[in-house]
């Protein structure tokens, strides 16, 4: 196998370059894969520019991966063979905690991730450790599915878990706050689950128009219109059944509570900055309206399977979702487009 490869190497916050790096070795009981596509996630942007606690440098990130097997380890005894193509999600469960023993993998107490605990996919080659094969989320690529589109299954999986917990259903009025890639994914999922009306909100008119293509019925530019008031006017003062905060803005969580209908469910999907993660939510509203505040962050294998099924059968408009496909050598261009909000989902091909 090659001793060198090209990769996007992160050497510190804001310090990253496309350059030659040492190719990883195949784990003795794992796989070595050639990366076919790797999506750029919002968390990748945060890591590239702000680093991550406990990260050692230099490092290679990238966790929305599809890849071809090029080598199996000498001690590997599993079903995969060289030439097979895989959809690789990053989560690796411990398999031993109470939640894993109950089959509730999405709540694993000791979850680890590819691209954090092991090298990621912004590179020509990537190792798949035996831990990921035993307790991770790795599936053969469905027949006929473009590997570029398979890379989109990972973010879709988290959204599916969130709406499962939020019980989005037939007849619901749903508000999606934030029309980036996650907000657009939530919009399509809510429609697929039977929502009667979806109100999308963002401060960017460009992103609002993108979200319209994913099934939004009404658009609110919250840069020029009071969001809570706009939702209440559109619901005859009753409020929305489900509100999804798909952004990192504390004030939107406050607004979500204020615009919720009695017995409403609020999905706190977007994580907040560590220094500003305690917004002034009026818990009396939560109390007297019987609201549910629901936090989710990851997913179980079943969600990833459903995501791949939706992409493969066309029920998720992945062609609209993936707006830019670039060679990895153009990574800085794609990162700039995503950072400026000019791209929805960028996928790199090493």
C-alpha atoms as a PDB file:
ATOM      1  CA  UNK A   1       0.000   0.000   0.000  1.00  0.00           C
ATOM      2  CA  UNK A   2       1.180   3.581  -0.612  1.00  0.00           C
ATOM      3  CA  UNK A   3       3.291   5.126   2.131  1.00  0.00           C
ATOM      4  CA  UNK A   4       2.115   8.629   1.251  1.00  0.00           C
ATOM      5  CA  UNK A   5      -1.233  10.206   0.413  1.00  0.00           C
ATOM      6  CA  UNK A   6      -2.845  13.608  -0.033  1.00  0.00           C
ATOM      7  CA  UNK A   7      -4.955  14.939   2.830  1.00  0.00           C
ATOM      8  CA  UNK A   8      -6.368  18.068   4.415  1.00  0.00           C
ATOM      9  CA  UNK A   9      -4.138  18.307   7.473  1.00  0.00           C
ATOM     10  CA  UNK A  10      -5.186  20.350  10.503  1.00  0.00           C
ATOM     11  CA  UNK A  11      -2.191  21.639  12.474  1.00  0.00           C
ATOM     12  CA  UNK A  12      -4.045  23.947  14.848  1.00  0.00           C
ATOM     13  CA  UNK A  13      -7.100  26.226  14.999  1.00  0.00           C
ATOM     14  CA  UNK A  14      -7.314  28.013  11.651  1.00  0.00           C
ATOM     15  CA  UNK A  15      -4.156  26.295  10.389  1.00  0.00           C
ATOM     16  CA  UNK A  16      -4.973  23.668   7.760  1.00  0.00           C
ATOM     17  CA  UNK A  17      -3.582  22.799   4.335  1.00  0.00           C
ATOM     18  CA  UNK A  18      -4.013  20.265   1.550  1.00  0.00           C
ATOM     19  CA  UNK A  19      -0.673  18.481   1.578  1.00  0.00           C
ATOM     20  CA  UNK A  20       1.151  15.189   1.467  1.00  0.00           C
ATOM     21  CA  UNK A  21       0.855  13.077   4.604  1.00  0.00           C
ATOM     22  CA  UNK A  22       1.734   9.579   5.752  1.00  0.00           C
ATOM     23  CA  UNK A  23      -0.852   7.050   4.647  1.00  0.00           C
ATOM     24  CA  UNK A  24      -2.411   5.056   7.504  1.00  0.00           C
ATOM     25  CA  UNK A  25      -1.637   1.395   7.973  1.00  0.00           C
ATOM     26  CA  UNK A  26      -4.387  -1.183   7.868  1.00  0.00           C
ATOM     27  CA  UNK A  27      -5.407  -2.151  11.434  1.00  0.00           C
ATOM     28  CA  UNK A  28      -4.581  -5.837  12.035  1.00  0.00           C
ATOM     29  CA  UNK A  29      -8.247  -6.710  12.659  1.00  0.00           C
ATOM     30  CA  UNK A  30      -9.728  -3.849  10.643  1.00  0.00           C
ATOM     31  CA  UNK A  31      -9.877  -2.400   7.161  1.00  0.00           C
ATOM     32  CA  UNK A  32      -8.045   0.156   5.087  1.00  0.00           C
ATOM     33  CA  UNK A  33     -10.373   2.059   2.767  1.00  0.00           C
ATOM     34  CA  UNK A  34      -9.936   4.477  -0.095  1.00  0.00           C
ATOM     35  CA  UNK A  35     -12.180   7.472   0.536  1.00  0.00           C
ATOM     36  CA  UNK A  36     -14.565   8.076  -2.369  1.00  0.00           C
ATOM     37  CA  UNK A  37     -16.412  11.019  -0.829  1.00  0.00           C
ATOM     38  CA  UNK A  38     -16.474  12.906   2.463  1.00  0.00           C
ATOM     39  CA  UNK A  39     -19.024  15.559   3.379  1.00  0.00           C
ATOM     40  CA  UNK A  40     -18.202  18.812   5.143  1.00  0.00           C
ATOM     41  CA  UNK A  41     -20.181  19.203   8.379  1.00  0.00           C
ATOM     42  CA  UNK A  42     -20.847  22.300  10.453  1.00  0.00           C
ATOM     43  CA  UNK A  43     -18.913  20.668  13.277  1.00  0.00           C
ATOM     44  CA  UNK A  44     -15.961  20.328  10.888  1.00  0.00           C
ATOM     45  CA  UNK A  45     -16.007  24.095  10.362  1.00  0.00           C
ATOM     46  CA  UNK A  46     -15.923  24.665  14.115  1.00  0.00           C
ATOM     47  CA  UNK A  47     -13.033  22.223  14.498  1.00  0.00           C
ATOM     48  CA  UNK A  48     -11.056  23.704  11.604  1.00  0.00           C
ATOM     49  CA  UNK A  49     -11.248  27.221  12.987  1.00  0.00           C
ATOM     50  CA  UNK A  50     -11.567  26.682  16.752  1.00  0.00           C
ATOM     51  CA  UNK A  51     -10.027  23.289  17.357  1.00  0.00           C
ATOM     52  CA  UNK A  52     -11.495  20.711  19.685  1.00  0.00           C
ATOM     53  CA  UNK A  53     -10.804  19.977  23.311  1.00  0.00           C
ATOM     54  CA  UNK A  54      -8.262  17.192  23.677  1.00  0.00           C
ATOM     55  CA  UNK A  55      -7.321  17.108  19.995  1.00  0.00           C
ATOM     56  CA  UNK A  56      -3.692  16.365  19.146  1.00  0.00           C
ATOM     57  CA  UNK A  57      -2.077  17.899  16.079  1.00  0.00           C
ATOM     58  CA  UNK A  58      -1.466  17.322  13.251  1.00  0.00           C
ATOM     59  CA  UNK A  59      -4.817  15.608  12.656  1.00  0.00           C
ATOM     60  CA  UNK A  60      -7.173  14.652   9.842  1.00  0.00           C
ATOM     61  CA  UNK A  61     -10.912  15.131  10.369  1.00  0.00           C
ATOM     62  CA  UNK A  62     -13.949  14.382   8.164  1.00  0.00           C
ATOM     63  CA  UNK A  63     -16.685  11.966   9.244  1.00  0.00           C
ATOM     64  CA  UNK A  64     -19.381  11.802   6.519  1.00  0.00           C
ATOM     65  CA  UNK A  65     -17.746   9.084   4.452  1.00  0.00           C
ATOM     66  CA  UNK A  66     -18.244   6.612   1.644  1.00  0.00           C
ATOM     67  CA  UNK A  67     -15.251   4.463   0.757  1.00  0.00           C
ATOM     68  CA  UNK A  68     -13.911   1.439  -1.108  1.00  0.00           C
ATOM     69  CA  UNK A  69     -12.117  -1.336   0.771  1.00  0.00           C
ATOM     70  CA  UNK A  70      -8.537  -1.727  -0.429  1.00  0.00           C
ATOM     71  CA  UNK A  71      -7.109  -4.010   2.261  1.00  0.00           C
ATOM     72  CA  UNK A  72      -8.239  -6.214   5.139  1.00  0.00           C
ATOM     73  CA  UNK A  73      -6.041  -6.778   8.174  1.00  0.00           C
ATOM     74  CA  UNK A  74      -4.256 -10.085   8.725  1.00  0.00           C
ATOM     75  CA  UNK A  75      -6.475 -10.811  11.739  1.00  0.00           C
ATOM     76  CA  UNK A  76      -9.734  -9.640  10.130  1.00  0.00           C
ATOM     77  CA  UNK A  77     -12.345 -12.393   9.871  1.00  0.00           C
ATOM     78  CA  UNK A  78     -15.437 -10.432   8.843  1.00  0.00           C
ATOM     79  CA  UNK A  79     -17.563 -10.443   5.688  1.00  0.00           C
ATOM     80  CA  UNK A  80     -16.048  -7.464   3.861  1.00  0.00           C
ATOM     81  CA  UNK A  81     -13.678  -7.968   0.954  1.00  0.00           C
ATOM     82  CA  UNK A  82     -11.400  -5.641  -1.035  1.00  0.00           C
ATOM     83  CA  UNK A  83     -13.405  -3.858  -3.708  1.00  0.00           C
ATOM     84  CA  UNK A  84     -16.521  -3.544  -1.552  1.00  0.00           C
ATOM     85  CA  UNK A  85     -17.953  -0.048  -1.138  1.00  0.00           C
ATOM     86  CA  UNK A  86     -19.199   1.124   2.251  1.00  0.00           C
ATOM     87  CA  UNK A  87     -21.252   3.939   3.729  1.00  0.00           C
ATOM     88  CA  UNK A  88     -19.370   4.864   6.908  1.00  0.00           C
ATOM     89  CA  UNK A  89     -20.921   6.826   9.770  1.00  0.00           C
ATOM     90  CA  UNK A  90     -18.603   8.003  12.557  1.00  0.00           C
ATOM     91  CA  UNK A  91     -20.257   6.772  15.737  1.00  0.00           C
ATOM     92  CA  UNK A  92     -18.703   3.834  17.568  1.00  0.00           C
ATOM     93  CA  UNK A  93     -20.691   2.505  20.540  1.00  0.00           C
ATOM     94  CA  UNK A  94     -19.087   0.716  23.460  1.00  0.00           C
ATOM     95  CA  UNK A  95     -21.476  -2.240  23.329  1.00  0.00           C
ATOM     96  CA  UNK A  96     -21.227  -2.735  27.101  1.00  0.00           C
ATOM     97  CA  UNK A  97     -23.037   0.126  28.885  1.00  0.00           C
ATOM     98  CA  UNK A  98     -26.632  -0.113  30.106  1.00  0.00           C
ATOM     99  CA  UNK A  99     -27.975   1.665  27.024  1.00  0.00           C
ATOM    100  CA  UNK A 100     -26.070  -0.522  24.573  1.00  0.00           C
ATOM    101  CA  UNK A 101     -27.200  -3.657  26.402  1.00  0.00           C
ATOM    102  CA  UNK A 102     -30.791  -2.421  26.007  1.00  0.00           C
ATOM    103  CA  UNK A 103     -30.282  -1.753  22.289  1.00  0.00           C
ATOM    104  CA  UNK A 104     -30.560   2.018  22.798  1.00  0.00           C
ATOM    105  CA  UNK A 105     -27.260   2.749  21.115  1.00  0.00           C
ATOM    106  CA  UNK A 106     -28.028   6.419  20.510  1.00  0.00           C
ATOM    107  CA  UNK A 107     -27.552   6.994  24.267  1.00  0.00           C
ATOM    108  CA  UNK A 108     -24.307   5.017  24.646  1.00  0.00           C
ATOM    109  CA  UNK A 109     -22.385   6.228  27.691  1.00  0.00           C
ATOM    110  CA  UNK A 110     -18.967   5.725  26.102  1.00  0.00           C
ATOM    111  CA  UNK A 111     -19.507   6.724  22.490  1.00  0.00           C
ATOM    112  CA  UNK A 112     -16.450   7.432  20.356  1.00  0.00           C
ATOM    113  CA  UNK A 113     -16.195   8.684  16.791  1.00  0.00           C
ATOM    114  CA  UNK A 114     -14.126   8.208  13.692  1.00  0.00           C
ATOM    115  CA  UNK A 115     -12.290  11.469  12.854  1.00  0.00           C
ATOM    116  CA  UNK A 116     -12.033  12.190  16.587  1.00  0.00           C
ATOM    117  CA  UNK A 117     -10.572   9.074  18.200  1.00  0.00           C
ATOM    118  CA  UNK A 118      -9.289   7.704  14.878  1.00  0.00           C
ATOM    119  CA  UNK A 119      -8.171   9.461  11.707  1.00  0.00           C
ATOM    120  CA  UNK A 120     -10.938  10.844   9.500  1.00  0.00           C
ATOM    121  CA  UNK A 121     -11.898  11.006   5.849  1.00  0.00           C
ATOM    122  CA  UNK A 122     -10.489  14.259   4.466  1.00  0.00           C
ATOM    123  CA  UNK A 123      -7.773  12.116   2.935  1.00  0.00           C
ATOM    124  CA  UNK A 124      -7.177   9.554   0.215  1.00  0.00           C
ATOM    125  CA  UNK A 125      -7.103   6.676   2.699  1.00  0.00           C
ATOM    126  CA  UNK A 126      -8.689   6.027   6.074  1.00  0.00           C
ATOM    127  CA  UNK A 127      -8.363   3.188   8.598  1.00  0.00           C
ATOM    128  CA  UNK A 128     -11.468   1.427   9.891  1.00  0.00           C
ATOM    129  CA  UNK A 129     -10.621   0.026  13.347  1.00  0.00           C
ATOM    130  CA  UNK A 130     -12.105  -3.241  14.623  1.00  0.00           C
ATOM    131  CA  UNK A 131     -14.091  -1.302  17.245  1.00  0.00           C
ATOM    132  CA  UNK A 132     -16.030   0.420  14.455  1.00  0.00           C
ATOM    133  CA  UNK A 133     -16.666  -2.870  12.699  1.00  0.00           C
ATOM    134  CA  UNK A 134     -17.937  -4.488  15.906  1.00  0.00           C
ATOM    135  CA  UNK A 135     -20.002  -1.633  17.331  1.00  0.00           C
ATOM    136  CA  UNK A 136     -20.090   1.102  14.692  1.00  0.00           C
ATOM    137  CA  UNK A 137     -22.401   2.130  11.865  1.00  0.00           C
ATOM    138  CA  UNK A 138     -20.993   0.791   8.610  1.00  0.00           C
ATOM    139  CA  UNK A 139     -23.099  -0.585   5.768  1.00  0.00           C
ATOM    140  CA  UNK A 140     -22.513  -1.788   2.220  1.00  0.00           C
ATOM    141  CA  UNK A 141     -23.429   0.951  -0.232  1.00  0.00           C
ATOM    142  CA  UNK A 142     -26.928   0.321  -1.619  1.00  0.00           C
ATOM    143  CA  UNK A 143     -26.893  -0.777  -5.257  1.00  0.00           C
ATOM    144  CA  UNK A 144     -26.930   2.134  -7.669  1.00  0.00           C
ATOM    145  CA  UNK A 145     -26.318   4.822  -5.048  1.00  0.00           C
ATOM    146  CA  UNK A 146     -23.690   7.432  -5.899  1.00  0.00           C
ATOM    147  CA  UNK A 147     -21.005   7.426  -3.154  1.00  0.00           C
ATOM    148  CA  UNK A 148     -21.190  11.242  -3.111  1.00  0.00           C
ATOM    149  CA  UNK A 149     -24.813  11.051  -2.047  1.00  0.00           C
ATOM    150  CA  UNK A 150     -24.208   8.238   0.433  1.00  0.00           C
ATOM    151  CA  UNK A 151     -22.001  10.629   2.405  1.00  0.00           C
ATOM    152  CA  UNK A 152     -25.141  12.655   3.202  1.00  0.00           C
ATOM    153  CA  UNK A 153     -26.654   9.802   5.227  1.00  0.00           C
ATOM    154  CA  UNK A 154     -24.803  10.746   8.422  1.00  0.00           C
ATOM    155  CA  UNK A 155     -26.384  14.183   9.041  1.00  0.00           C
ATOM    156  CA  UNK A 156     -29.781  12.876   7.940  1.00  0.00           C
ATOM    157  CA  UNK A 157     -29.533  10.105  10.569  1.00  0.00           C
ATOM    158  CA  UNK A 158     -29.293  12.569  13.455  1.00  0.00           C
ATOM    159  CA  UNK A 159     -32.329  14.472  12.181  1.00  0.00           C
ATOM    160  CA  UNK A 160     -34.348  11.259  11.921  1.00  0.00           C
ATOM    161  CA  UNK A 161     -33.559  10.414  15.543  1.00  0.00           C
ATOM    162  CA  UNK A 162     -34.582  13.878  16.707  1.00  0.00           C
ATOM    163  CA  UNK A 163     -37.960  13.779  14.994  1.00  0.00           C
ATOM    164  CA  UNK A 164     -38.563  10.236  16.191  1.00  0.00           C
ATOM    165  CA  UNK A 165     -38.173  11.502  19.755  1.00  0.00           C
ATOM    166  CA  UNK A 166     -40.234  14.604  18.985  1.00  0.00           C
ATOM    167  CA  UNK A 167     -43.029  12.447  17.549  1.00  0.00           C
ATOM    168  CA  UNK A 168     -43.517  14.707  14.544  1.00  0.00           C
ATOM    169  CA  UNK A 169     -46.683  13.427  12.915  1.00  0.00           C
ATOM    170  CA  UNK A 170     -49.724  13.853  10.778  1.00  0.00           C
ATOM    171  CA  UNK A 171     -51.408  17.232  11.081  1.00  0.00           C
ATOM    172  CA  UNK A 172     -48.607  18.923  13.018  1.00  0.00           C
ATOM    173  CA  UNK A 173     -47.507  22.481  12.426  1.00  0.00           C
ATOM    174  CA  UNK A 174     -43.718  22.422  12.516  1.00  0.00           C
ATOM    175  CA  UNK A 175     -41.338  25.359  12.778  1.00  0.00           C
ATOM    176  CA  UNK A 176     -37.730  24.869  11.653  1.00  0.00           C
ATOM    177  CA  UNK A 177     -35.433  27.648  12.866  1.00  0.00           C
ATOM    178  CA  UNK A 178     -32.271  27.696  10.773  1.00  0.00           C
ATOM    179  CA  UNK A 179     -32.267  26.779   7.081  1.00  0.00           C
ATOM    180  CA  UNK A 180     -28.768  25.408   6.663  1.00  0.00           C
ATOM    181  CA  UNK A 181     -28.265  21.771   5.642  1.00  0.00           C
ATOM    182  CA  UNK A 182     -29.647  20.477   8.947  1.00  0.00           C
ATOM    183  CA  UNK A 183     -32.731  22.694   8.758  1.00  0.00           C
ATOM    184  CA  UNK A 184     -33.412  21.586   5.185  1.00  0.00           C
ATOM    185  CA  UNK A 185     -33.065  17.934   6.209  1.00  0.00           C
ATOM    186  CA  UNK A 186     -35.486  18.462   9.101  1.00  0.00           C
ATOM    187  CA  UNK A 187     -37.971  20.091   6.738  1.00  0.00           C
ATOM    188  CA  UNK A 188     -38.081  17.096   4.403  1.00  0.00           C
ATOM    189  CA  UNK A 189     -38.300  14.618   7.289  1.00  0.00           C
ATOM    190  CA  UNK A 190     -41.176  16.544   8.889  1.00  0.00           C
ATOM    191  CA  UNK A 191     -43.039  16.490   5.588  1.00  0.00           C
ATOM    192  CA  UNK A 192     -42.393  12.760   5.195  1.00  0.00           C
ATOM    193  CA  UNK A 193     -43.738  12.155   8.711  1.00  0.00           C
ATOM    194  CA  UNK A 194     -47.022  13.849   7.801  1.00  0.00           C
ATOM    195  CA  UNK A 195     -46.664  17.435   9.021  1.00  0.00           C
ATOM    196  CA  UNK A 196     -49.512  19.555   7.701  1.00  0.00           C
ATOM    197  CA  UNK A 197     -47.548  22.810   7.602  1.00  0.00           C
ATOM    198  CA  UNK A 198     -43.885  23.665   7.915  1.00  0.00           C
ATOM    199  CA  UNK A 199     -42.733  27.175   8.691  1.00  0.00           C
ATOM    200  CA  UNK A 200     -39.044  27.776   7.990  1.00  0.00           C
ATOM    201  CA  UNK A 201     -37.171  30.683   9.567  1.00  0.00           C
ATOM    202  CA  UNK A 202     -33.730  32.146   8.947  1.00  0.00           C
ATOM    203  CA  UNK A 203     -31.960  35.506   8.778  1.00  0.00           C
ATOM    204  CA  UNK A 204     -30.787  34.722   5.217  1.00  0.00           C
ATOM    205  CA  UNK A 205     -33.247  35.119   2.347  1.00  0.00           C
ATOM    206  CA  UNK A 206     -30.983  32.929   0.207  1.00  0.00           C
ATOM    207  CA  UNK A 207     -31.158  30.032   2.662  1.00  0.00           C
ATOM    208  CA  UNK A 208     -34.899  30.480   3.070  1.00  0.00           C
ATOM    209  CA  UNK A 209     -35.355  29.992  -0.665  1.00  0.00           C
ATOM    210  CA  UNK A 210     -33.205  26.850  -0.495  1.00  0.00           C
ATOM    211  CA  UNK A 211     -35.446  25.499   2.242  1.00  0.00           C
ATOM    212  CA  UNK A 212     -38.540  26.072   0.137  1.00  0.00           C
ATOM    213  CA  UNK A 213     -37.236  23.371  -2.185  1.00  0.00           C
ATOM    214  CA  UNK A 214     -37.242  20.885   0.697  1.00  0.00           C
ATOM    215  CA  UNK A 215     -40.939  21.296   1.468  1.00  0.00           C
ATOM    216  CA  UNK A 216     -41.294  24.468   3.551  1.00  0.00           C
ATOM    217  CA  UNK A 217     -44.814  25.910   3.224  1.00  0.00           C
ATOM    218  CA  UNK A 218     -44.084  29.350   4.694  1.00  0.00           C
ATOM    219  CA  UNK A 219     -40.902  31.366   5.088  1.00  0.00           C
ATOM    220  CA  UNK A 220     -40.065  33.884   7.795  1.00  0.00           C
ATOM    221  CA  UNK A 221     -37.030  36.145   7.519  1.00  0.00           C
ATOM    222  CA  UNK A 222     -36.332  36.675  11.205  1.00  0.00           C
ATOM    223  CA  UNK A 223     -33.865  39.450  10.418  1.00  0.00           C
ATOM    224  CA  UNK A 224     -36.773  41.686   9.446  1.00  0.00           C
ATOM    225  CA  UNK A 225     -39.778  40.111  11.194  1.00  0.00           C
ATOM    226  CA  UNK A 226     -40.398  39.098  14.803  1.00  0.00           C
ATOM    227  CA  UNK A 227     -40.275  35.318  14.635  1.00  0.00           C
ATOM    228  CA  UNK A 228     -42.528  34.491  17.572  1.00  0.00           C
ATOM    229  CA  UNK A 229     -45.177  36.933  16.393  1.00  0.00           C
ATOM    230  CA  UNK A 230     -44.963  35.627  12.839  1.00  0.00           C
ATOM    231  CA  UNK A 231     -45.575  32.043  13.974  1.00  0.00           C
ATOM    232  CA  UNK A 232     -48.455  32.999  16.245  1.00  0.00           C
ATOM    233  CA  UNK A 233     -50.111  34.969  13.430  1.00  0.00           C
ATOM    234  CA  UNK A 234     -49.813  31.991  11.106  1.00  0.00           C
ATOM    235  CA  UNK A 235     -51.354  29.650  13.680  1.00  0.00           C
ATOM    236  CA  UNK A 236     -54.296  31.815  14.823  1.00  0.00           C
ATOM    237  CA  UNK A 237     -52.469  32.500  18.076  1.00  0.00           C
ATOM    238  CA  UNK A 238     -52.255  28.815  19.032  1.00  0.00           C
ATOM    239  CA  UNK A 239     -48.573  28.219  18.313  1.00  0.00           C
ATOM    240  CA  UNK A 240     -46.736  25.333  16.679  1.00  0.00           C
ATOM    241  CA  UNK A 241     -46.848  21.662  17.656  1.00  0.00           C
ATOM    242  CA  UNK A 242     -43.144  21.013  17.002  1.00  0.00           C
ATOM    243  CA  UNK A 243     -40.319  23.554  16.934  1.00  0.00           C
ATOM    244  CA  UNK A 244     -36.801  22.547  15.852  1.00  0.00           C
ATOM    245  CA  UNK A 245     -33.878  24.840  16.676  1.00  0.00           C
ATOM    246  CA  UNK A 246     -31.410  23.893  13.959  1.00  0.00           C
ATOM    247  CA  UNK A 247     -28.843  26.565  14.766  1.00  0.00           C
ATOM    248  CA  UNK A 248     -26.391  27.597  17.517  1.00  0.00           C
ATOM    249  CA  UNK A 249     -28.241  30.794  18.555  1.00  0.00           C
ATOM    250  CA  UNK A 250     -29.414  30.886  22.226  1.00  0.00           C
ATOM    251  CA  UNK A 251     -32.243  33.356  21.611  1.00  0.00           C
ATOM    252  CA  UNK A 252     -33.993  30.975  19.234  1.00  0.00           C
ATOM    253  CA  UNK A 253     -34.456  28.464  22.061  1.00  0.00           C
ATOM    254  CA  UNK A 254     -36.194  31.181  24.066  1.00  0.00           C
ATOM    255  CA  UNK A 255     -38.403  31.987  21.077  1.00  0.00           C
ATOM    256  CA  UNK A 256     -39.169  28.308  20.523  1.00  0.00           C
ATOM    257  CA  UNK A 257     -40.736  28.062  23.971  1.00  0.00           C
ATOM    258  CA  UNK A 258     -42.724  31.246  23.421  1.00  0.00           C
ATOM    259  CA  UNK A 259     -44.205  30.070  20.102  1.00  0.00           C
ATOM    260  CA  UNK A 260     -45.088  26.526  21.185  1.00  0.00           C
ATOM    261  CA  UNK A 261     -48.674  25.330  21.350  1.00  0.00           C
ATOM    262  CA  UNK A 262     -49.920  23.613  24.513  1.00  0.00           C
ATOM    263  CA  UNK A 263     -48.341  20.132  24.714  1.00  0.00           C
ATOM    264  CA  UNK A 264     -45.820  21.208  22.078  1.00  0.00           C
ATOM    265  CA  UNK A 265     -42.434  19.540  21.598  1.00  0.00           C
ATOM    266  CA  UNK A 266     -39.267  21.594  21.214  1.00  0.00           C
ATOM    267  CA  UNK A 267     -36.279  19.822  19.671  1.00  0.00           C
ATOM    268  CA  UNK A 268     -33.088  21.497  20.852  1.00  0.00           C
ATOM    269  CA  UNK A 269     -31.051  20.179  17.962  1.00  0.00           C
ATOM    270  CA  UNK A 270     -28.392  22.842  17.495  1.00  0.00           C
ATOM    271  CA  UNK A 271     -25.748  22.940  20.222  1.00  0.00           C
ATOM    272  CA  UNK A 272     -24.952  26.338  21.755  1.00  0.00           C
ATOM    273  CA  UNK A 273     -21.552  27.962  22.329  1.00  0.00           C
ATOM    274  CA  UNK A 274     -20.086  26.683  25.634  1.00  0.00           C
ATOM    275  CA  UNK A 275     -19.832  30.215  27.012  1.00  0.00           C
ATOM    276  CA  UNK A 276     -23.463  31.018  26.168  1.00  0.00           C
ATOM    277  CA  UNK A 277     -25.439  27.826  26.714  1.00  0.00           C
ATOM    278  CA  UNK A 278     -27.914  29.008  29.370  1.00  0.00           C
ATOM    279  CA  UNK A 279     -30.525  31.109  27.562  1.00  0.00           C
ATOM    280  CA  UNK A 280     -33.248  32.772  29.610  1.00  0.00           C
ATOM    281  CA  UNK A 281     -36.067  30.335  28.897  1.00  0.00           C
ATOM    282  CA  UNK A 282     -39.271  31.120  30.774  1.00  0.00           C
ATOM    283  CA  UNK A 283     -39.887  27.779  32.470  1.00  0.00           C
ATOM    284  CA  UNK A 284     -43.312  28.953  33.623  1.00  0.00           C
ATOM    285  CA  UNK A 285     -44.368  28.719  29.974  1.00  0.00           C
ATOM    286  CA  UNK A 286     -42.974  25.194  29.850  1.00  0.00           C
ATOM    287  CA  UNK A 287     -44.827  24.359  33.059  1.00  0.00           C
ATOM    288  CA  UNK A 288     -48.246  25.802  32.292  1.00  0.00           C
ATOM    289  CA  UNK A 289     -48.378  24.785  28.632  1.00  0.00           C
ATOM    290  CA  UNK A 290     -47.119  21.277  29.330  1.00  0.00           C
ATOM    291  CA  UNK A 291     -44.233  21.599  26.880  1.00  0.00           C
ATOM    292  CA  UNK A 292     -41.458  19.088  26.247  1.00  0.00           C
ATOM    293  CA  UNK A 293     -37.863  20.226  25.736  1.00  0.00           C
ATOM    294  CA  UNK A 294     -36.036  17.415  23.926  1.00  0.00           C
ATOM    295  CA  UNK A 295     -32.314  17.278  23.303  1.00  0.00           C
ATOM    296  CA  UNK A 296     -30.694  14.962  20.768  1.00  0.00           C
ATOM    297  CA  UNK A 297     -27.215  14.787  19.311  1.00  0.00           C
ATOM    298  CA  UNK A 298     -26.472  11.421  17.701  1.00  0.00           C
ATOM    299  CA  UNK A 299     -28.258   8.374  16.290  1.00  0.00           C
ATOM    300  CA  UNK A 300     -28.585   4.586  16.295  1.00  0.00           C
ATOM    301  CA  UNK A 301     -27.858   2.146  13.449  1.00  0.00           C
ATOM    302  CA  UNK A 302     -31.548   2.009  12.540  1.00  0.00           C
ATOM    303  CA  UNK A 303     -31.553   5.741  11.775  1.00  0.00           C
ATOM    304  CA  UNK A 304     -28.594   5.384   9.415  1.00  0.00           C
ATOM    305  CA  UNK A 305     -30.338   2.548   7.570  1.00  0.00           C
ATOM    306  CA  UNK A 306     -33.457   4.676   7.170  1.00  0.00           C
ATOM    307  CA  UNK A 307     -31.374   7.613   5.951  1.00  0.00           C
ATOM    308  CA  UNK A 308     -29.718   5.476   3.263  1.00  0.00           C
ATOM    309  CA  UNK A 309     -33.126   4.107   2.262  1.00  0.00           C
ATOM    310  CA  UNK A 310     -34.547   7.638   1.902  1.00  0.00           C
ATOM    311  CA  UNK A 311     -31.607   8.748  -0.223  1.00  0.00           C
ATOM    312  CA  UNK A 312     -31.724   5.628  -2.391  1.00  0.00           C
ATOM    313  CA  UNK A 313     -35.483   5.626  -3.027  1.00  0.00           C
ATOM    314  CA  UNK A 314     -35.637   9.359  -3.711  1.00  0.00           C
ATOM    315  CA  UNK A 315     -37.780  10.373  -0.743  1.00  0.00           C
ATOM    316  CA  UNK A 316     -34.971  12.687   0.364  1.00  0.00           C
ATOM    317  CA  UNK A 317     -33.941  15.182  -2.371  1.00  0.00           C
ATOM    318  CA  UNK A 318     -30.223  14.576  -1.986  1.00  0.00           C
ATOM    319  CA  UNK A 319     -29.487  16.224  -5.346  1.00  0.00           C
ATOM    320  CA  UNK A 320     -30.700  19.524  -3.898  1.00  0.00           C
ATOM    321  CA  UNK A 321     -28.996  18.865  -0.575  1.00  0.00           C
ATOM    322  CA  UNK A 322     -25.497  18.334  -2.009  1.00  0.00           C
ATOM    323  CA  UNK A 323     -24.913  21.653  -3.733  1.00  0.00           C
ATOM    324  CA  UNK A 324     -21.149  21.441  -4.307  1.00  0.00           C
ATOM    325  CA  UNK A 325     -18.873  18.492  -5.133  1.00  0.00           C
ATOM    326  CA  UNK A 326     -15.188  19.426  -5.194  1.00  0.00           C
ATOM    327  CA  UNK A 327     -11.854  17.633  -5.309  1.00  0.00           C
ATOM    328  CA  UNK A 328     -10.173  17.607  -1.913  1.00  0.00           C
ATOM    329  CA  UNK A 329      -7.400  19.824  -3.273  1.00  0.00           C
ATOM    330  CA  UNK A 330     -10.073  22.549  -3.519  1.00  0.00           C
ATOM    331  CA  UNK A 331     -11.019  22.056   0.132  1.00  0.00           C
ATOM    332  CA  UNK A 332     -10.355  25.667   1.084  1.00  0.00           C
ATOM    333  CA  UNK A 333     -12.761  26.834  -1.634  1.00  0.00           C
ATOM    334  CA  UNK A 334     -15.492  24.533  -0.353  1.00  0.00           C
ATOM    335  CA  UNK A 335     -14.856  25.496   3.252  1.00  0.00           C
ATOM    336  CA  UNK A 336     -15.138  29.152   2.298  1.00  0.00           C
ATOM    337  CA  UNK A 337     -18.452  28.568   0.495  1.00  0.00           C
ATOM    338  CA  UNK A 338     -19.882  26.748   3.509  1.00  0.00           C
ATOM    339  CA  UNK A 339     -18.590  29.318   5.981  1.00  0.00           C
ATOM    340  CA  UNK A 340     -20.173  32.151   3.988  1.00  0.00           C
ATOM    341  CA  UNK A 341     -23.489  30.319   3.708  1.00  0.00           C
ATOM    342  CA  UNK A 342     -23.221  30.068  -0.090  1.00  0.00           C
ATOM    343  CA  UNK A 343     -23.319  26.271  -0.102  1.00  0.00           C
ATOM    344  CA  UNK A 344     -25.760  23.897   1.537  1.00  0.00           C
ATOM    345  CA  UNK A 345     -23.758  20.657   1.638  1.00  0.00           C
ATOM    346  CA  UNK A 346     -20.215  20.438   0.279  1.00  0.00           C
ATOM    347  CA  UNK A 347     -18.789  17.009  -0.471  1.00  0.00           C
ATOM    348  CA  UNK A 348     -15.099  16.447  -1.225  1.00  0.00           C
ATOM    349  CA  UNK A 349     -13.700  13.701  -3.462  1.00  0.00           C
ATOM    350  CA  UNK A 350     -10.082  12.933  -2.465  1.00  0.00           C
END
